[in-house]
Amino acid sequence: MDYVSALLPPVVMAIFFTFLVVTIVKSQGGPNKAKEDAIVDAALARAAATRQAGRDD
């Protein structure tokens, strides 16, 4: 029975990790992709503008 208690945690972690990866892959794209991309683009533009303003001072 010691081998069962030794193998149980890695098996549970492997199953959890598999479900996590599947969930991440399924959530990529879809109807909200354009909105998410626009939010990221706006944040990157804001960061670049702040960086440029810091250099000009």
Protein backbone atom coordinates (compact mmCIF):
# COMPACT_ATOMS: atom_id res chain seq x y z
CA MET A 1 0.00 0.00 0.00
CA ASP A 2 2.99 2.31 0.32
CA TYR A 3 3.29 2.49 -3.46
CA VAL A 4 -0.30 3.77 -3.71
CA SER A 5 0.37 6.61 -1.28
CA ALA A 6 3.63 7.37 -3.12
CA LEU A 7 1.99 7.50 -6.57
CA LEU A 8 -1.24 9.28 -5.65
CA PRO A 9 0.11 12.88 -5.37
CA PRO A 10 1.93 12.85 -8.75
CA VAL A 11 -1.08 11.32 -10.48
CA VAL A 12 -3.43 13.91 -8.99
CA MET A 13 -1.06 16.72 -9.99
CA ALA A 14 -0.76 15.35 -13.54
CA ILE A 15 -4.55 15.19 -13.91
CA PHE A 16 -4.95 18.72 -12.52
CA PHE A 17 -2.23 20.06 -14.83
CA THR A 18 -3.83 18.38 -17.84
CA PHE A 19 -7.21 19.96 -17.06
CA LEU A 20 -5.50 23.33 -16.53
CA VAL A 21 -3.78 23.19 -19.92
CA VAL A 22 -7.00 22.10 -21.66
CA THR A 23 -8.90 24.99 -20.03
CA ILE A 24 -6.24 27.51 -21.08
CA VAL A 25 -6.22 26.25 -24.66
CA LYS A 26 -10.02 26.29 -24.90
CA SER A 27 -10.23 29.85 -23.54
CA GLN A 28 -7.87 31.21 -26.22
CA GLY A 29 -9.59 33.07 -29.03
CA GLY A 30 -13.34 33.17 -29.26
CA PRO A 31 -15.63 36.19 -29.29
CA ASN A 32 -13.69 38.12 -26.64
CA LYS A 33 -10.30 37.83 -28.38
CA ALA A 34 -10.60 41.17 -30.20
CA LYS A 35 -11.64 42.95 -27.01
CA GLU A 36 -8.79 41.40 -25.03
CA ASP A 37 -6.30 42.29 -27.77
CA ALA A 38 -7.55 45.90 -27.81
CA ILE A 39 -7.11 46.17 -24.03
CA VAL A 40 -3.54 44.84 -24.24
CA ASP A 41 -2.71 47.14 -27.16
CA ALA A 42 -4.05 50.14 -25.23
CA ALA A 43 -2.00 49.22 -22.16
CA LEU A 44 1.16 48.81 -24.24
CA ALA A 45 0.57 52.15 -25.98
CA ARG A 46 0.04 53.83 -22.60
CA ALA A 47 3.27 52.32 -21.27
CA ALA A 48 5.19 53.42 -24.35
CA ALA A 49 3.80 56.96 -24.06
CA THR A 50 4.78 57.10 -20.39
CA ARG A 51 8.27 55.88 -21.23
CA GLN A 52 8.61 58.53 -23.97
CA ALA A 53 7.38 61.27 -21.61
CA GLY A 54 9.99 60.21 -19.06
CA ARG A 55 12.78 60.56 -21.64
CA ASP A 56 11.65 63.98 -22.78
CA ASP A 57 11.90 65.48 -19.28
